Amino acid sequence: MKNPFLSIVIPAHNEESRLPRTLGQIFGFLKKQSYSFEIIIVENGSSDRTLELAREFALQHPNVTVYQEEQRGKGNAVRHGMLQARGEYRFICDADLSMPIEEIQKFIPPGLTDFDIAIGSREAPGAIRYNEPSYRHLGGRAINLAIRLLILPGLNDTQCGFKCFSAKAAEDVFCQQTILGWSFDIENLYIARRKKLRIKEIPIQWHYDPDSKVSAVRDALRMLSDIFRIHINAWRGKYDHS
């Protein structure tokens, strides 16, 4: 079978309340497009009905595949999905769908050209945030400032959950990923820069979800530890192999 034009990879941990709606919206949008596609759901370590609901959806819809990763960690789920995907372009999509799925056209040709990685940005000129409390916004900016100072200068929003990789970029980057938790985005973008891949920030419409699973203090401390780990990995040559 010919590889699809686009793969959508959805990591899903305890998402029974949001996943059915999200899948319906994504599939409904994609089936109207002229390009071929696949949807990959990677469930990891859920204690609710996420896996059951994902499998039910896959049975009723073509081009949908479900994988189960027992080990928890968003980075683990994304890595598995991106390396299993077959698309010419591979799009990471958070299960909360806080970015309208129609925005995906900004991340792929013909809407975007001359790129290896396109990252959704809530800070790039033209981006719009909806209903986000000021304290969450300020906390996010503080985290990004640390990221820019310590490891990824010039990137204004590394943690947005919507990113698109060309097939080659995905295979080059995710095969070297070591971090399986929240900071996996930072590591992958660091690897991409070492490989001199072309990264573009895409302004998006983004809707705050009060059920967000991000914990500002816990995840910020973990991020700082992971940034130190990434630098140690680089010093030890873990990212030197092609």
Protein backbone atom coordinates (compact mmCIF):
# COMPACT_ATOMS: atom_id res chain seq x y z
CA MET A 1 0.00 0.00 0.00
CA LYS A 2 1.28 3.47 -0.87
CA ASN A 3 2.31 5.54 2.11
CA PRO A 4 -0.24 8.22 3.05
CA PHE A 5 0.45 11.91 2.66
CA LEU A 6 -0.32 12.69 6.31
CA SER A 7 -0.14 10.78 9.58
CA ILE A 8 -1.84 12.13 12.71
CA VAL A 9 -0.26 10.75 15.90
CA ILE A 10 -2.32 11.11 19.08
CA PRO A 11 -0.79 10.17 22.46
CA ALA A 12 -3.58 9.18 24.86
CA HIS A 13 -3.34 8.65 28.62
CA ASN A 14 -6.62 8.58 30.57
CA GLU A 15 -8.48 10.40 27.79
CA GLU A 16 -11.83 8.62 27.82
CA SER A 17 -13.73 11.89 28.32
CA ARG A 18 -12.07 13.76 25.42
CA LEU A 19 -10.85 11.17 22.92
CA PRO A 20 -14.15 10.22 21.20
CA ARG A 21 -15.00 13.86 20.42
CA THR A 22 -11.46 14.59 19.27
CA LEU A 23 -11.33 11.56 16.98
CA GLY A 24 -14.68 12.43 15.47
CA GLN A 25 -13.57 15.96 14.67
CA ILE A 26 -10.23 14.88 13.21
CA PHE A 27 -11.67 12.10 11.06
CA GLY A 28 -14.55 14.28 9.91
CA PHE A 29 -12.10 16.94 8.75
CA LEU A 30 -9.58 14.62 7.11
CA LYS A 31 -12.10 12.63 5.07
CA LYS A 32 -13.05 15.86 3.28
CA GLN A 33 -9.46 16.49 2.16
CA SER A 34 -7.98 15.45 -1.16
CA TYR A 35 -4.87 13.88 0.37
CA SER A 36 -4.51 10.41 1.88
CA PHE A 37 -4.12 10.05 5.64
CA GLU A 38 -3.86 7.76 8.62
CA ILE A 39 -4.63 8.29 12.30
CA ILE A 40 -2.44 6.59 14.90
CA ILE A 41 -3.55 6.48 18.53
CA VAL A 42 -0.96 5.44 21.10
CA GLU A 43 -2.48 4.61 24.48
CA ASN A 44 -0.01 4.37 27.34
CA GLY A 45 -0.69 3.31 30.88
CA SER A 46 -4.31 4.43 31.13
CA SER A 47 -6.49 3.34 34.05
CA ASP A 48 -9.76 4.25 32.33
CA ARG A 49 -11.48 3.16 29.08
CA THR A 50 -9.13 5.05 26.72
CA LEU A 51 -7.81 1.91 25.03
CA GLU A 52 -11.27 0.37 24.67
CA LEU A 53 -12.74 3.52 23.15
CA ALA A 54 -9.81 3.92 20.76
CA ARG A 55 -10.18 0.34 19.53
CA GLU A 56 -13.93 0.78 19.08
CA PHE A 57 -13.30 3.84 16.91
CA ALA A 58 -10.66 2.03 14.86
CA LEU A 59 -13.06 -0.85 14.15
CA GLN A 60 -15.58 1.59 12.69
CA HIS A 61 -13.22 3.82 10.70
CA PRO A 62 -10.65 3.05 8.02
CA ASN A 63 -7.10 4.34 8.27
CA VAL A 64 -7.09 4.30 12.09
CA THR A 65 -4.57 2.22 14.03
CA VAL A 66 -4.27 1.80 17.79
CA TYR A 67 -1.09 0.88 19.64
CA GLN A 68 -0.70 0.18 23.33
CA GLU A 69 2.40 1.21 25.27
CA GLU A 70 2.21 -0.02 28.84
CA GLN A 71 5.00 2.28 29.99
CA ARG A 72 3.66 5.73 30.87
CA GLY A 73 5.11 8.92 29.46
CA LYS A 74 3.88 11.23 26.72
CA GLY A 75 7.28 11.21 25.06
CA ASN A 76 7.22 7.42 24.97
CA ALA A 77 3.81 7.39 23.28
CA VAL A 78 4.76 10.05 20.74
CA ARG A 79 8.05 8.37 19.87
CA HIS A 80 6.30 5.04 19.25
CA GLY A 81 3.63 6.63 17.08
CA MET A 82 6.00 8.75 15.02
CA LEU A 83 8.27 5.80 14.24
CA GLN A 84 5.29 3.58 13.36
CA ALA A 85 3.74 6.24 11.12
CA ARG A 86 4.11 5.96 7.35
CA GLY A 87 3.09 9.44 6.24
CA GLU A 88 5.18 11.84 4.19
CA TYR A 89 4.30 14.31 6.96
CA ARG A 90 3.72 13.25 10.57
CA PHE A 91 1.69 15.48 12.85
CA ILE A 92 1.65 15.22 16.65
CA CYS A 93 -1.79 16.12 17.97
CA ASP A 94 -2.77 16.46 21.64
CA ALA A 95 -5.90 14.55 22.57
CA ASP A 96 -7.56 17.69 23.95
CA LEU A 97 -7.55 19.24 20.44
CA SER A 98 -7.01 22.69 21.94
CA MET A 99 -6.01 23.83 18.44
CA PRO A 100 -8.84 23.59 15.87
CA ILE A 101 -8.01 20.74 13.49
CA GLU A 102 -8.52 23.07 10.50
CA GLU A 103 -5.27 24.81 11.51
CA ILE A 104 -3.35 21.76 10.36
CA GLN A 105 -3.35 23.14 6.82
CA LYS A 106 -0.79 25.71 8.00
CA PHE A 107 1.66 22.90 8.81
CA ILE A 108 1.72 20.99 5.53
CA PRO A 109 2.16 21.72 1.81
CA PRO A 110 0.94 23.70 0.01
CA GLY A 111 0.24 25.89 3.05
CA LEU A 112 3.85 25.53 4.21
CA THR A 113 6.97 24.69 2.22
CA ASP A 114 10.74 24.57 2.74
CA PHE A 115 10.67 23.08 6.23
CA ASP A 116 11.63 19.92 8.08
CA ILE A 117 9.74 20.60 11.31
CA ALA A 118 6.82 22.96 11.91
CA ILE A 119 5.90 23.68 15.53
CA GLY A 120 2.64 25.21 16.67
CA SER A 121 3.23 28.47 18.54
CA ARG A 122 0.98 30.36 20.90
CA GLU A 123 3.50 33.23 20.89
CA ALA A 124 4.37 33.79 17.23
CA PRO A 125 2.91 36.94 15.59
CA GLY A 126 -0.70 36.23 14.64
CA ALA A 127 -1.29 33.58 17.31
CA ILE A 128 -4.45 33.85 19.43
CA ARG A 129 -5.01 32.42 22.92
CA TYR A 130 -8.56 31.94 24.18
CA ASN A 131 -9.67 31.86 27.83
CA GLU A 132 -6.24 31.24 29.34
CA PRO A 133 -5.86 32.52 32.92
CA SER A 134 -3.13 35.12 33.23
CA TYR A 135 -1.25 33.09 35.84
CA ARG A 136 -0.99 30.14 33.43
CA HIS A 137 0.25 32.38 30.65
CA LEU A 138 2.87 34.01 32.85
CA GLY A 139 4.01 30.62 34.14
CA GLY A 140 4.34 29.33 30.62
CA ARG A 141 6.40 32.33 29.57
CA ALA A 142 8.71 31.84 32.55
CA ILE A 143 9.26 28.21 31.56
CA ASN A 144 9.95 29.19 27.96
CA LEU A 145 12.42 31.84 29.06
CA ALA A 146 14.37 29.17 30.90
CA ILE A 147 14.27 26.92 27.83
CA ARG A 148 15.54 29.72 25.58
CA LEU A 149 18.33 30.66 27.98
CA LEU A 150 19.46 27.12 28.76
CA ILE A 151 19.07 25.14 25.55
CA LEU A 152 16.90 26.44 22.66
CA PRO A 153 17.46 30.14 21.99
CA GLY A 154 15.07 31.75 19.53
CA LEU A 155 12.15 29.32 19.88
CA ASN A 156 9.20 31.00 21.56
CA ASP A 157 6.94 28.02 22.26
CA THR A 158 8.55 24.60 22.39
CA GLN A 159 5.85 22.94 24.52
CA CYS A 160 2.78 23.39 22.36
CA GLY A 161 1.38 19.93 21.63
CA PHE A 162 1.00 20.37 17.86
CA LYS A 163 4.03 19.71 15.66
CA CYS A 164 4.62 18.41 12.15
CA PHE A 165 7.72 16.53 10.94
CA SER A 166 8.66 15.43 7.46
CA ALA A 167 9.09 11.66 7.32
CA LYS A 168 12.88 11.94 7.14
CA ALA A 169 13.06 14.44 9.99
CA ALA A 170 10.85 12.22 12.16
CA GLU A 171 12.98 9.16 11.54
CA ASP A 172 16.24 11.08 12.09
CA VAL A 173 15.10 12.71 15.32
CA PHE A 174 12.87 10.23 17.14
CA CYS A 175 15.30 7.35 16.80
CA GLN A 176 17.68 9.34 19.04
CA GLN A 177 15.11 10.43 21.62
CA THR A 178 15.86 9.28 25.17
CA ILE A 179 13.43 11.29 27.30
CA LEU A 180 10.05 9.60 27.63
CA GLY A 181 8.22 12.22 29.67
CA TRP A 182 7.07 15.83 29.33
CA SER A 183 10.41 17.30 28.17
CA PHE A 184 10.68 15.12 25.07
CA ASP A 185 9.84 18.15 22.88
CA ILE A 186 12.92 19.98 24.13
CA GLU A 187 15.19 17.04 23.44
CA ASN A 188 13.82 16.46 19.95
CA LEU A 189 14.15 20.11 18.96
CA TYR A 190 17.69 20.13 20.37
CA ILE A 191 18.53 17.06 18.27
CA ALA A 192 16.94 18.70 15.22
CA ARG A 193 19.08 21.79 15.62
CA ARG A 194 22.23 19.69 15.92
CA LYS A 195 21.24 18.10 12.61
CA LYS A 196 20.64 21.58 11.13
CA LEU A 197 17.02 20.80 10.30
CA ARG A 198 14.75 23.67 9.26
CA ILE A 199 12.34 24.53 12.09
CA LYS A 200 9.45 26.95 11.59
CA GLU A 201 7.09 28.31 14.23
CA ILE A 202 3.45 28.45 13.11
CA PRO A 203 1.04 30.88 14.82
CA ILE A 204 -2.11 29.08 15.86
CA GLN A 205 -5.46 29.62 17.51
CA TRP A 206 -5.30 27.92 20.89
CA HIS A 207 -8.08 27.31 23.39
CA TYR A 208 -7.22 26.86 27.06
CA ASP A 209 -8.52 23.62 28.56
CA PRO A 210 -9.22 23.84 32.32
CA ASP A 211 -8.69 20.06 32.49
CA SER A 212 -5.07 20.41 31.36
CA LYS A 213 -2.76 17.83 32.91
CA VAL A 214 0.23 20.17 33.00
CA SER A 215 1.47 21.01 36.50
CA ALA A 216 3.52 24.20 36.32
CA VAL A 217 5.77 23.62 39.34
CA ARG A 218 6.23 19.86 39.01
CA ASP A 219 6.81 19.94 35.26
CA ALA A 220 9.13 22.97 35.45
CA LEU A 221 11.38 21.20 37.95
CA ARG A 222 11.38 18.05 35.86
CA MET A 223 12.17 20.11 32.76
CA LEU A 224 15.23 21.68 34.39
CA SER A 225 16.50 18.23 35.33
CA ASP A 226 15.89 16.97 31.79
CA ILE A 227 17.71 19.94 30.22
CA PHE A 228 20.75 19.05 32.33
CA ARG A 229 20.36 15.44 31.18
CA ILE A 230 20.21 16.50 27.51
CA HIS A 231 23.45 18.46 27.84
CA ILE A 232 25.10 15.45 29.51
CA ASN A 233 23.86 13.20 26.68
CA ALA A 234 25.33 15.61 24.12
CA TRP A 235 28.66 15.76 26.00
CA ARG A 236 28.76 11.94 25.98
CA GLY A 237 28.09 11.87 22.22
CA LYS A 238 24.66 10.23 22.34
CA TYR A 239 23.33 12.51 19.61
CA ASP A 240 26.37 12.30 17.32
CA HIS A 241 25.24 9.28 15.32
CA SER A 242 23.11 9.76 12.23
